[in-house]
Amino acid sequence: MFFNDPISDMLTRVRNGVSARKSSVTMPHSKMCEQVARILAANGFLAGVKVAEAGNFKSLELSLPESGKITTIDRVSKPGRRVYVGASDIPVVLGGRGLVVVSTSNGVMTGREARKAGLGGELICKVW
C-alpha cells in the first residue's frame, strides 16, 4: 500500500480510532511516525507505542487512551506546503495545554523543548 504522506495517514488513523472509541490502531511503520507517536505517548496523548515485526514488514501499533484526551489533532506542514518557524515563532497551543510537534536539526521534539533549546524547524502537527 502506497501513502503519499505517512504522518497524515497516522494522524488520521488516530483521529478516526479516537472517534470510534477503539483501544488501538495499527499502521505501517516509518521512523518519523514512530518518533511522533513516542512524543505523543510521552505527553499522555497516547497510552502506548509498540513496533511489531512480521518478516520484512514492520507495523506500528498505537494504544489509544480510554478517556477523550485527544479532541483535535491537526497536520500543520503538508507535502505541498511546508511550514517552517524559528525558535521564537513556535506557537503555543491552548495556553500550553496542547502540544505542537517540531522536526528540528536535533530530531523531533515538542515545541516547548525546541523553544528551550533555541531551535526552529518544521511544524509537524498540533494536538489538544
Protein backbone atom coordinates (compact mmCIF):
# COMPACT_ATOMS: atom_id res chain seq x y z
CA MET A 1 0.00 0.00 0.00
CA PHE A 2 1.49 3.38 -1.00
CA PHE A 3 0.96 6.52 1.04
CA ASN A 4 1.95 9.96 -0.11
CA ASP A 5 2.19 11.31 3.43
CA PRO A 6 2.64 8.69 6.19
CA ILE A 7 2.36 11.25 9.01
CA SER A 8 -1.04 12.46 7.78
CA ASP A 9 -2.11 8.83 7.47
CA MET A 10 -1.05 8.16 11.08
CA LEU A 11 -2.82 11.24 12.43
CA THR A 12 -5.99 10.35 10.51
CA ARG A 13 -5.95 6.78 11.85
CA VAL A 14 -5.54 8.10 15.41
CA ARG A 15 -8.33 10.66 14.91
CA ASN A 16 -10.67 8.00 13.48
CA GLY A 17 -9.75 5.50 16.21
CA VAL A 18 -10.47 8.01 18.96
CA SER A 19 -13.83 8.98 17.44
CA ALA A 20 -14.76 5.29 17.03
CA ARG A 21 -13.62 4.60 20.64
CA LYS A 22 -11.12 1.93 19.57
CA SER A 23 -8.49 0.71 22.01
CA SER A 24 -5.68 0.69 19.44
CA VAL A 25 -4.84 1.40 15.81
CA THR A 26 -2.27 -0.28 13.54
CA MET A 27 -0.39 1.23 10.61
CA PRO A 28 2.73 0.70 8.52
CA HIS A 29 5.94 1.66 10.32
CA SER A 30 8.15 4.63 9.50
CA LYS A 31 10.85 6.21 11.65
CA MET A 32 9.20 9.63 11.60
CA CYS A 33 5.79 8.23 12.57
CA GLU A 34 7.38 6.29 15.41
CA GLN A 35 9.14 9.41 16.73
CA VAL A 36 5.94 11.48 16.58
CA ALA A 37 3.97 8.68 18.27
CA ARG A 38 6.54 8.36 21.06
CA ILE A 39 6.31 12.11 21.71
CA LEU A 40 2.51 11.89 21.85
CA ALA A 41 2.75 8.92 24.24
CA ALA A 42 5.29 10.69 26.48
CA ASN A 43 2.91 13.63 26.80
CA GLY A 44 -0.13 11.48 27.61
CA PHE A 45 -2.00 11.76 24.30
CA LEU A 46 -1.43 8.05 23.53
CA ALA A 47 -1.41 5.16 26.00
CA GLY A 48 1.45 3.29 24.32
CA VAL A 49 3.52 2.65 21.20
CA LYS A 50 4.62 -0.80 20.03
CA VAL A 51 6.62 -1.80 16.94
CA ALA A 52 5.69 -5.26 15.64
CA GLU A 53 7.77 -7.15 13.08
CA ALA A 54 6.45 -9.86 10.80
CA GLY A 55 9.17 -10.96 8.41
CA ASN A 56 10.30 -7.94 6.38
CA PHE A 57 7.23 -5.92 7.32
CA LYS A 58 7.14 -3.63 10.36
CA SER A 59 3.96 -2.20 11.76
CA LEU A 60 3.27 0.41 14.38
CA GLU A 61 0.56 -0.27 16.96
CA LEU A 62 -0.68 2.74 18.93
CA SER A 63 -2.73 2.20 22.08
CA LEU A 64 -5.30 4.96 22.41
CA PRO A 65 -6.22 6.46 25.79
CA GLU A 66 -9.53 5.39 27.32
CA SER A 67 -10.67 8.91 28.10
CA GLY A 68 -11.15 11.62 25.50
CA LYS A 69 -7.65 13.09 25.91
CA ILE A 70 -7.37 13.95 22.20
CA THR A 71 -10.05 16.36 21.00
CA THR A 72 -8.25 17.69 17.92
CA ILE A 73 -5.17 16.52 16.03
CA ASP A 74 -4.13 18.61 13.01
CA ARG A 75 -1.32 18.28 10.47
CA VAL A 76 0.34 21.69 10.00
CA SER A 77 3.13 21.12 7.47
CA LYS A 78 2.00 19.16 4.43
CA PRO A 79 3.90 17.80 1.41
CA GLY A 80 2.52 20.60 -0.79
CA ARG A 81 3.08 23.37 1.76
CA ARG A 82 5.87 23.02 4.28
CA VAL A 83 5.71 25.29 7.33
CA TYR A 84 8.98 26.31 8.97
CA VAL A 85 9.35 28.55 12.02
CA GLY A 86 12.14 30.00 14.10
CA ALA A 87 12.50 29.21 17.79
CA SER A 88 10.74 32.41 18.84
CA ASP A 89 7.82 31.81 16.44
CA ILE A 90 6.85 28.30 17.63
CA PRO A 91 3.15 28.51 18.54
CA VAL A 92 1.77 27.75 21.99
CA VAL A 93 -1.36 25.58 21.73
CA LEU A 94 -4.26 26.41 24.07
CA GLY A 95 -2.08 28.32 26.51
CA GLY A 96 0.26 25.37 27.00
CA ARG A 97 -2.40 22.68 27.45
CA GLY A 98 -1.92 21.44 23.90
CA LEU A 99 1.17 20.23 22.12
CA VAL A 100 2.98 21.14 18.93
CA VAL A 101 5.49 18.67 17.41
CA VAL A 102 8.51 20.17 15.63
CA SER A 103 11.13 18.48 13.46
CA THR A 104 14.44 20.23 14.21
CA SER A 105 18.06 19.64 13.25
CA ASN A 106 18.42 17.77 16.57
CA GLY A 107 15.47 15.47 15.90
CA VAL A 108 11.74 15.50 16.50
CA MET A 109 10.66 17.22 19.73
CA THR A 110 7.85 19.18 21.32
CA GLY A 111 7.54 22.90 20.73
CA ARG A 112 8.38 23.57 24.38
CA GLU A 113 11.64 21.59 24.13
CA ALA A 114 12.56 23.28 20.83
CA ARG A 115 11.93 26.76 22.27
CA LYS A 116 14.04 25.90 25.33
CA ALA A 117 16.89 24.64 23.11
CA GLY A 118 16.61 27.69 20.83
CA LEU A 119 15.87 25.57 17.76
CA GLY A 120 13.37 26.21 14.99
CA GLY A 121 12.21 23.75 12.38
CA GLU A 122 9.28 22.26 10.53
CA LEU A 123 5.94 22.22 12.35
CA ILE A 124 4.59 18.67 12.09
CA CYS A 125 1.28 18.74 13.98
CA LYS A 126 -0.79 20.32 16.73
CA VAL A 127 -2.64 18.20 19.30
CA TRP A 128 -5.10 19.20 22.03
